Amino acid sequence: MTHTTAQSTHHEVLSTQEIALHMIASAARVLLMIGTAVLVGEVAAGPARRLITARQHHHEHPGNGGG
């Protein structure tokens, strides 16, 4: 019986390690997706920031050849 218990415990340890590795891999994927989303957001926000800044400057100085 001791042998069966030892095998069962060994199997439980492997399962626990597999679960832990799966959780770590999942967390790494989520962090990678968040990082990618942040980079894409920064790339997309760059032109928008410049446009907003240009409009703010235009409203501060309306006599600069505007329409």
PDB file of N, CA and C in Angstrom:
ATOM      1  N   MET A   1       0.805  -1.202   0.000  1.00  0.00           N
ATOM      2  CA  MET A   1       0.000   0.000   0.000  1.00  0.00           C
ATOM      3  C   MET A   1       0.851   1.271   0.000  1.00  0.00           C
ATOM      4  N   THR A   2       1.986   1.198   0.640  1.00  0.00           N
ATOM      5  CA  THR A   2       2.859   2.362   0.690  1.00  0.00           C
ATOM      6  C   THR A   2       3.294   2.755  -0.712  1.00  0.00           C
ATOM      7  N   HIS A   3       3.548   1.748  -1.542  1.00  0.00           N
ATOM      8  CA  HIS A   3       3.974   2.008  -2.913  1.00  0.00           C
ATOM      9  C   HIS A   3       2.888   2.746  -3.695  1.00  0.00           C
ATOM     10  N   THR A   4       1.646   2.348  -3.564  1.00  0.00           N
ATOM     11  CA  THR A   4       0.530   3.002  -4.251  1.00  0.00           C
ATOM     12  C   THR A   4       0.385   4.443  -3.780  1.00  0.00           C
ATOM     13  N   THR A   5       0.529   4.685  -2.502  1.00  0.00           N
ATOM     14  CA  THR A   5       0.430   6.041  -1.959  1.00  0.00           C
ATOM     15  C   THR A   5       1.563   6.909  -2.499  1.00  0.00           C
ATOM     16  N   ALA A   6       2.753   6.341  -2.591  1.00  0.00           N
ATOM     17  CA  ALA A   6       3.892   7.097  -3.114  1.00  0.00           C
ATOM     18  C   ALA A   6       3.654   7.463  -4.580  1.00  0.00           C
ATOM     19  N   GLN A   7       3.109   6.544  -5.374  1.00  0.00           N
ATOM     20  CA  GLN A   7       2.805   6.846  -6.763  1.00  0.00           C
ATOM     21  C   GLN A   7       1.740   7.918  -6.867  1.00  0.00           C
ATOM     22  N   SER A   8       0.721   7.825  -6.044  1.00  0.00           N
ATOM     23  CA  SER A   8      -0.353   8.799  -6.056  1.00  0.00           C
ATOM     24  C   SER A   8       0.180  10.175  -5.684  1.00  0.00           C
ATOM     25  N   THR A   9       1.016  10.250  -4.668  1.00  0.00           N
ATOM     26  CA  THR A   9       1.587  11.527  -4.243  1.00  0.00           C
ATOM     27  C   THR A   9       2.469  12.101  -5.344  1.00  0.00           C
ATOM     28  N   HIS A  10       3.270  11.258  -5.979  1.00  0.00           N
ATOM     29  CA  HIS A  10       4.131  11.703  -7.086  1.00  0.00           C
ATOM     30  C   HIS A  10       3.284  12.251  -8.230  1.00  0.00           C
ATOM     31  N   HIS A  11       2.172  11.581  -8.538  1.00  0.00           N
ATOM     32  CA  HIS A  11       1.277  12.037  -9.602  1.00  0.00           C
ATOM     33  C   HIS A  11       0.640  13.373  -9.232  1.00  0.00           C
ATOM     34  N   GLU A  12       0.265  13.529  -7.964  1.00  0.00           N
ATOM     35  CA  GLU A  12      -0.320  14.795  -7.510  1.00  0.00           C
ATOM     36  C   GLU A  12       0.686  15.934  -7.624  1.00  0.00           C
ATOM     37  N   VAL A  13       1.937  15.663  -7.314  1.00  0.00           N
ATOM     38  CA  VAL A  13       2.979  16.687  -7.425  1.00  0.00           C
ATOM     39  C   VAL A  13       3.151  17.092  -8.877  1.00  0.00           C
ATOM     40  N   LEU A  14       3.180  16.119  -9.787  1.00  0.00           N
ATOM     41  CA  LEU A  14       3.305  16.439 -11.204  1.00  0.00           C
ATOM     42  C   LEU A  14       2.114  17.258 -11.676  1.00  0.00           C
ATOM     43  N   SER A  15       0.926  16.879 -11.240  1.00  0.00           N
ATOM     44  CA  SER A  15      -0.262  17.629 -11.639  1.00  0.00           C
ATOM     45  C   SER A  15      -0.192  19.055 -11.105  1.00  0.00           C
ATOM     46  N   THR A  16       0.240  19.207  -9.879  1.00  0.00           N
ATOM     47  CA  THR A  16       0.367  20.535  -9.285  1.00  0.00           C
ATOM     48  C   THR A  16       1.398  21.354 -10.044  1.00  0.00           C
ATOM     49  N   GLN A  17       2.512  20.745 -10.400  1.00  0.00           N
ATOM     50  CA  GLN A  17       3.535  21.453 -11.173  1.00  0.00           C
ATOM     51  C   GLN A  17       3.008  21.836 -12.552  1.00  0.00           C
ATOM     52  N   GLU A  18       2.266  20.934 -13.186  1.00  0.00           N
ATOM     53  CA  GLU A  18       1.694  21.237 -14.497  1.00  0.00           C
ATOM     54  C   GLU A  18       0.707  22.389 -14.406  1.00  0.00           C
ATOM     55  N   ILE A  19      -0.109  22.376 -13.358  1.00  0.00           N
ATOM     56  CA  ILE A  19      -1.071  23.466 -13.162  1.00  0.00           C
ATOM     57  C   ILE A  19      -0.331  24.786 -12.944  1.00  0.00           C
ATOM     58  N   ALA A  20       0.708  24.745 -12.121  1.00  0.00           N
ATOM     59  CA  ALA A  20       1.488  25.959 -11.855  1.00  0.00           C
ATOM     60  C   ALA A  20       2.134  26.485 -13.136  1.00  0.00           C
ATOM     61  N   LEU A  21       2.705  25.595 -13.935  1.00  0.00           N
ATOM     62  CA  LEU A  21       3.319  26.014 -15.198  1.00  0.00           C
ATOM     63  C   LEU A  21       2.277  26.593 -16.151  1.00  0.00           C
ATOM     64  N   HIS A  22       1.104  25.979 -16.180  1.00  0.00           N
ATOM     65  CA  HIS A  22       0.028  26.485 -17.033  1.00  0.00           C
ATOM     66  C   HIS A  22      -0.387  27.886 -16.589  1.00  0.00           C
ATOM     67  N   MET A  23      -0.500  28.088 -15.272  1.00  0.00           N
ATOM     68  CA  MET A  23      -0.879  29.402 -14.760  1.00  0.00           C
ATOM     69  C   MET A  23       0.187  30.452 -15.074  1.00  0.00           C
ATOM     70  N   ILE A  24       1.440  30.074 -14.943  1.00  0.00           N
ATOM     71  CA  ILE A  24       2.538  31.004 -15.256  1.00  0.00           C
ATOM     72  C   ILE A  24       2.521  31.346 -16.740  1.00  0.00           C
ATOM     73  N   ALA A  25       2.327  30.340 -17.580  1.00  0.00           N
ATOM     74  CA  ALA A  25       2.277  30.584 -19.027  1.00  0.00           C
ATOM     75  C   ALA A  25       1.088  31.470 -19.390  1.00  0.00           C
ATOM     76  N   SER A  26      -0.044  31.229 -18.754  1.00  0.00           N
ATOM     77  CA  SER A  26      -1.225  32.058 -19.020  1.00  0.00           C
ATOM     78  C   SER A  26      -0.992  33.498 -18.589  1.00  0.00           C
ATOM     79  N   ALA A  27      -0.388  33.678 -17.423  1.00  0.00           N
ATOM     80  CA  ALA A  27      -0.085  35.028 -16.945  1.00  0.00           C
ATOM     81  C   ALA A  27       0.886  35.726 -17.883  1.00  0.00           C
ATOM     82  N   ALA A  28       1.876  34.991 -18.379  1.00  0.00           N
ATOM     83  CA  ALA A  28       2.845  35.581 -19.308  1.00  0.00           C
ATOM     84  C   ALA A  28       2.151  36.017 -20.601  1.00  0.00           C
ATOM     85  N   ARG A  29       1.216  35.194 -21.090  1.00  0.00           N
ATOM     86  CA  ARG A  29       0.467  35.559 -22.297  1.00  0.00           C
ATOM     87  C   ARG A  29      -0.354  36.822 -22.070  1.00  0.00           C
ATOM     88  N   VAL A  30      -1.012  36.893 -20.915  1.00  0.00           N
ATOM     89  CA  VAL A  30      -1.824  38.075 -20.605  1.00  0.00           C
ATOM     90  C   VAL A  30      -0.941  39.317 -20.548  1.00  0.00           C
ATOM     91  N   LEU A  31       0.200  39.216 -19.882  1.00  0.00           N
ATOM     92  CA  LEU A  31       1.109  40.362 -19.805  1.00  0.00           C
ATOM     93  C   LEU A  31       1.616  40.764 -21.186  1.00  0.00           C
ATOM     94  N   LEU A  32       1.885  39.781 -22.023  1.00  0.00           N
ATOM     95  CA  LEU A  32       2.327  40.070 -23.382  1.00  0.00           C
ATOM     96  C   LEU A  32       1.229  40.786 -24.163  1.00  0.00           C
ATOM     97  N   MET A  33      -0.016  40.327 -24.008  1.00  0.00           N
ATOM     98  CA  MET A  33      -1.132  40.975 -24.704  1.00  0.00           C
ATOM     99  C   MET A  33      -1.332  42.403 -24.198  1.00  0.00           C
ATOM    100  N   ILE A  34      -1.220  42.591 -22.891  1.00  0.00           N
ATOM    101  CA  ILE A  34      -1.361  43.944 -22.332  1.00  0.00           C
ATOM    102  C   ILE A  34      -0.252  44.835 -22.846  1.00  0.00           C
ATOM    103  N   GLY A  35       0.972  44.325 -22.846  1.00  0.00           N
ATOM    104  CA  GLY A  35       2.102  45.105 -23.350  1.00  0.00           C
ATOM    105  C   GLY A  35       1.927  45.465 -24.816  1.00  0.00           C
ATOM    106  N   THR A  36       1.446  44.514 -25.602  1.00  0.00           N
ATOM    107  CA  THR A  36       1.201  44.776 -27.014  1.00  0.00           C
ATOM    108  C   THR A  36       0.106  45.819 -27.186  1.00  0.00           C
ATOM    109  N   ALA A  37      -0.948  45.712 -26.382  1.00  0.00           N
ATOM    110  CA  ALA A  37      -2.047  46.680 -26.461  1.00  0.00           C
ATOM    111  C   ALA A  37      -1.566  48.072 -26.093  1.00  0.00           C
ATOM    112  N   VAL A  38      -0.701  48.169 -25.100  1.00  0.00           N
ATOM    113  CA  VAL A  38      -0.165  49.473 -24.701  1.00  0.00           C
ATOM    114  C   VAL A  38       0.668  50.062 -25.836  1.00  0.00           C
ATOM    115  N   LEU A  39       1.504  49.242 -26.459  1.00  0.00           N
ATOM    116  CA  LEU A  39       2.330  49.731 -27.566  1.00  0.00           C
ATOM    117  C   LEU A  39       1.466  50.176 -28.739  1.00  0.00           C
ATOM    118  N   VAL A  40       0.462  49.383 -29.075  1.00  0.00           N
ATOM    119  CA  VAL A  40      -0.435  49.745 -30.177  1.00  0.00           C
ATOM    120  C   VAL A  40      -1.182  51.030 -29.829  1.00  0.00           C
ATOM    121  N   GLY A  41      -1.612  51.138 -28.586  1.00  0.00           N
ATOM    122  CA  GLY A  41      -2.303  52.350 -28.142  1.00  0.00           C
ATOM    123  C   GLY A  41      -1.410  53.573 -28.231  1.00  0.00           C
ATOM    124  N   GLU A  42      -0.154  53.420 -27.867  1.00  0.00           N
ATOM    125  CA  GLU A  42       0.779  54.549 -27.959  1.00  0.00           C
ATOM    126  C   GLU A  42       1.001  54.950 -29.417  1.00  0.00           C
ATOM    127  N   VAL A  43       1.122  53.975 -30.295  1.00  0.00           N
ATOM    128  CA  VAL A  43       1.305  54.270 -31.719  1.00  0.00           C
ATOM    129  C   VAL A  43       0.075  54.992 -32.265  1.00  0.00           C
ATOM    130  N   ALA A  44      -1.100  54.516 -31.876  1.00  0.00           N
ATOM    131  CA  ALA A  44      -2.335  55.142 -32.353  1.00  0.00           C
ATOM    132  C   ALA A  44      -2.547  56.507 -31.714  1.00  0.00           C
ATOM    133  N   ALA A  45      -2.108  56.679 -30.484  1.00  0.00           N
ATOM    134  CA  ALA A  45      -2.336  57.937 -29.772  1.00  0.00           C
ATOM    135  C   ALA A  45      -1.394  59.042 -30.216  1.00  0.00           C
ATOM    136  N   GLY A  46      -0.259  58.685 -30.794  1.00  0.00           N
ATOM    137  CA  GLY A  46       0.709  59.696 -31.216  1.00  0.00           C
ATOM    138  C   GLY A  46       0.110  60.743 -32.145  1.00  0.00           C
ATOM    139  N   PRO A  47      -0.456  60.349 -33.287  1.00  0.00           N
ATOM    140  CA  PRO A  47      -1.067  61.328 -34.187  1.00  0.00           C
ATOM    141  C   PRO A  47      -2.232  62.076 -33.535  1.00  0.00           C
ATOM    142  N   ALA A  48      -2.998  61.374 -32.694  1.00  0.00           N
ATOM    143  CA  ALA A  48      -4.125  62.031 -32.023  1.00  0.00           C
ATOM    144  C   ALA A  48      -3.624  63.108 -31.071  1.00  0.00           C
ATOM    145  N   ARG A  49      -2.558  62.831 -30.364  1.00  0.00           N
ATOM    146  CA  ARG A  49      -1.978  63.834 -29.453  1.00  0.00           C
ATOM    147  C   ARG A  49      -1.507  65.056 -30.235  1.00  0.00           C
ATOM    148  N   ARG A  50      -0.852  64.809 -31.351  1.00  0.00           N
ATOM    149  CA  ARG A  50      -0.369  65.943 -32.161  1.00  0.00           C
ATOM    150  C   ARG A  50      -1.540  66.771 -32.676  1.00  0.00           C
ATOM    151  N   LEU A  51      -2.617  66.101 -33.095  1.00  0.00           N
ATOM    152  CA  LEU A  51      -3.795  66.796 -33.583  1.00  0.00           C
ATOM    153  C   LEU A  51      -4.435  67.623 -32.470  1.00  0.00           C
ATOM    154  N   ILE A  52      -4.560  67.040 -31.283  1.00  0.00           N
ATOM    155  CA  ILE A  52      -5.140  67.764 -30.150  1.00  0.00           C
ATOM    156  C   ILE A  52      -4.268  68.960 -29.788  1.00  0.00           C
ATOM    157  N   THR A  53      -2.965  68.768 -29.760  1.00  0.00           N
ATOM    158  CA  THR A  53      -2.050  69.871 -29.451  1.00  0.00           C
ATOM    159  C   THR A  53      -2.169  70.974 -30.487  1.00  0.00           C
ATOM    160  N   ALA A  54      -2.247  70.594 -31.755  1.00  0.00           N
ATOM    161  CA  ALA A  54      -2.375  71.596 -32.815  1.00  0.00           C
ATOM    162  C   ALA A  54      -3.688  72.367 -32.677  1.00  0.00           C
ATOM    163  N   ARG A  55      -4.755  71.675 -32.349  1.00  0.00           N
ATOM    164  CA  ARG A  55      -6.044  72.356 -32.177  1.00  0.00           C
ATOM    165  C   ARG A  55      -6.026  73.273 -30.967  1.00  0.00           C
ATOM    166  N   GLN A  56      -5.378  72.838 -29.894  1.00  0.00           N
ATOM    167  CA  GLN A  56      -5.284  73.683 -28.706  1.00  0.00           C
ATOM    168  C   GLN A  56      -4.497  74.951 -29.021  1.00  0.00           C
ATOM    169  N   HIS A  57      -3.415  74.817 -29.746  1.00  0.00           N
ATOM    170  CA  HIS A  57      -2.617  75.986 -30.117  1.00  0.00           C
ATOM    171  C   HIS A  57      -3.403  76.905 -31.051  1.00  0.00           C
ATOM    172  N   HIS A  58      -4.205  76.310 -31.934  1.00  0.00           N
ATOM    173  CA  HIS A  58      -5.008  77.087 -32.863  1.00  0.00           C
ATOM    174  C   HIS A  58      -6.060  77.903 -32.098  1.00  0.00           C
ATOM    175  N   HIS A  59      -6.646  77.288 -31.056  1.00  0.00           N
ATOM    176  CA  HIS A  59      -7.661  78.000 -30.259  1.00  0.00           C
ATOM    177  C   HIS A  59      -7.030  79.071 -29.376  1.00  0.00           C
ATOM    178  N   GLU A  60      -5.791  78.846 -28.947  1.00  0.00           N
ATOM    179  CA  GLU A  60      -5.103  79.853 -28.148  1.00  0.00           C
ATOM    180  C   GLU A  60      -4.693  81.056 -28.976  1.00  0.00           C
ATOM    181  N   HIS A  61      -4.379  80.827 -30.235  1.00  0.00           N
ATOM    182  CA  HIS A  61      -3.945  81.890 -31.165  1.00  0.00           C
ATOM    183  C   HIS A  61      -4.826  81.863 -32.422  1.00  0.00           C
ATOM    184  N   PRO A  62      -6.072  82.311 -32.334  1.00  0.00           N
ATOM    185  CA  PRO A  62      -6.989  82.197 -33.485  1.00  0.00           C
ATOM    186  C   PRO A  62      -6.622  83.067 -34.677  1.00  0.00           C
ATOM    187  N   GLY A  63      -5.790  84.033 -34.542  1.00  0.00           N
ATOM    188  CA  GLY A  63      -5.468  84.913 -35.663  1.00  0.00           C
ATOM    189  C   GLY A  63      -4.335  84.435 -36.531  1.00  0.00           C
ATOM    190  N   ASN A  64      -3.914  83.202 -36.404  1.00  0.00           N
ATOM    191  CA  ASN A  64      -2.764  82.687 -37.168  1.00  0.00           C
ATOM    192  C   ASN A  64      -3.189  82.096 -38.496  1.00  0.00           C
ATOM    193  N   GLY A  65      -3.826  82.870 -39.364  1.00  0.00           N
ATOM    194  CA  GLY A  65      -4.124  82.441 -40.720  1.00  0.00           C
ATOM    195  C   GLY A  65      -5.180  81.366 -40.811  1.00  0.00           C
ATOM    196  N   GLY A  66      -5.975  81.149 -39.781  1.00  0.00           N
ATOM    197  CA  GLY A  66      -7.001  80.125 -39.807  1.00  0.00           C
ATOM    198  C   GLY A  66      -8.193  80.567 -40.641  1.00  0.00           C
ATOM    199  N   GLY A  67      -9.115  79.652 -40.942  1.00  0.00           N
ATOM    200  CA  GLY A  67     -10.241  79.804 -41.786  1.00  0.00           C
ATOM    201  C   GLY A  67     -11.192  80.834 -41.447  1.00  0.00           C
TER     202      GLY A  67
END
